[in-house]
Amino acid sequence: MNVGITKVTRNWQITLPCNIRAGIDQGAELVIVRDDAGIKILTPESLEDVFKAGSRIARKEKITRKELEKRMDDAKKITYAEYKRR
């Protein structure tokens, strides 16, 4: 496991430390996931694993697709509202 430390700029940007960005091309898309454990930065390939885990949790908790979409929309609205306040 590699660990790096970075700072958030006044524009809410981060720079990936050198030891973390190895193998990531400039312009590559990354996925940022925030959950109870913290914030994770994933490559699109690893996102498929996240969706698989999310599907297992949704089945276990008996969350319908419609409910999942509603929760995602609600989260987007909250995130956007927080962004606008800054």
Protein backbone atom coordinates (compact mmCIF):
# COMPACT_ATOMS: atom_id res chain seq x y z
CA MET A 1 0.00 0.00 0.00
CA ASN A 2 1.23 3.50 -0.86
CA VAL A 3 0.34 6.47 1.29
CA GLY A 4 0.79 10.12 0.37
CA ILE A 5 -0.14 13.47 1.87
CA THR A 6 -1.52 16.39 -0.09
CA LYS A 7 -3.24 19.70 0.63
CA VAL A 8 -6.51 21.05 -0.68
CA THR A 9 -6.07 24.38 -2.47
CA ARG A 10 -8.41 27.35 -2.11
CA ASN A 11 -10.06 26.10 -5.33
CA TRP A 12 -10.65 22.67 -3.74
CA GLN A 13 -8.05 21.00 -5.93
CA ILE A 14 -5.46 18.43 -4.86
CA THR A 15 -2.21 17.19 -6.38
CA LEU A 16 -1.63 13.46 -6.30
CA PRO A 17 1.73 12.71 -4.66
CA CYS A 18 4.36 11.24 -7.00
CA ASN A 19 4.27 7.79 -5.41
CA ILE A 20 0.47 7.67 -5.81
CA ARG A 21 0.17 8.92 -9.39
CA ALA A 22 2.47 6.27 -10.88
CA GLY A 23 0.53 4.55 -13.67
CA ILE A 24 -2.11 7.29 -13.92
CA ASP A 25 -1.92 9.23 -17.18
CA GLN A 26 -2.40 12.99 -17.34
CA GLY A 27 -6.03 13.70 -18.19
CA ALA A 28 -7.20 10.34 -16.82
CA GLU A 29 -10.55 10.32 -15.08
CA LEU A 30 -10.65 9.32 -11.44
CA VAL A 31 -13.64 8.54 -9.27
CA ILE A 32 -13.89 10.05 -5.79
CA VAL A 33 -16.06 8.22 -3.28
CA ARG A 34 -16.88 9.47 0.20
CA ASP A 35 -18.34 7.04 2.73
CA ASP A 36 -18.28 6.42 6.48
CA ALA A 37 -14.68 5.18 6.23
CA GLY A 38 -13.42 8.35 4.51
CA ILE A 39 -12.58 9.46 0.99
CA LYS A 40 -11.27 7.10 -1.68
CA ILE A 41 -9.88 7.95 -5.10
CA LEU A 42 -10.50 5.14 -7.55
CA THR A 43 -9.64 4.40 -11.15
CA PRO A 44 -12.61 3.56 -13.40
CA GLU A 45 -11.46 -0.08 -13.44
CA SER A 46 -11.79 -0.31 -9.67
CA LEU A 47 -15.17 1.45 -9.81
CA GLU A 48 -16.71 -1.76 -11.13
CA ASP A 49 -15.70 -3.40 -7.83
CA VAL A 50 -17.40 -0.56 -5.94
CA PHE A 51 -20.62 -1.07 -7.91
CA LYS A 52 -20.52 -4.80 -7.18
CA ALA A 53 -20.14 -4.08 -3.47
CA GLY A 54 -22.91 -1.47 -3.64
CA SER A 55 -25.20 -3.98 -5.33
CA ARG A 56 -24.58 -6.52 -2.58
CA ILE A 57 -25.37 -3.91 0.09
CA ALA A 58 -28.51 -2.78 -1.77
CA ARG A 59 -29.76 -6.37 -2.00
CA LYS A 60 -28.98 -7.00 1.66
CA GLU A 61 -30.79 -3.84 2.77
CA LYS A 62 -33.56 -4.38 0.21
CA ILE A 63 -33.06 -1.00 -1.46
CA THR A 64 -34.86 -0.68 -4.79
CA ARG A 65 -33.26 0.94 -7.82
CA LYS A 66 -35.74 3.80 -7.57
CA GLU A 67 -34.82 4.41 -3.91
CA LEU A 68 -31.11 4.24 -4.75
CA GLU A 69 -31.55 6.81 -7.53
CA LYS A 70 -33.50 9.08 -5.16
CA ARG A 71 -30.72 8.83 -2.55
CA MET A 72 -28.12 9.67 -5.19
CA ASP A 73 -30.13 12.70 -6.38
CA ASP A 74 -30.54 13.88 -2.77
CA ALA A 75 -26.80 13.52 -2.18
CA LYS A 76 -26.02 15.53 -5.32
CA LYS A 77 -28.35 18.34 -4.20
CA ILE A 78 -26.75 18.46 -0.74
CA THR A 79 -23.25 18.45 -2.21
CA TYR A 80 -24.12 21.24 -4.66
CA ALA A 81 -25.76 23.31 -1.93
CA GLU A 82 -22.65 22.96 0.25
CA TYR A 83 -20.46 23.99 -2.68
CA LYS A 84 -22.54 27.12 -3.38
CA ARG A 85 -22.30 28.25 0.27
CA ARG A 86 -18.51 28.49 0.03
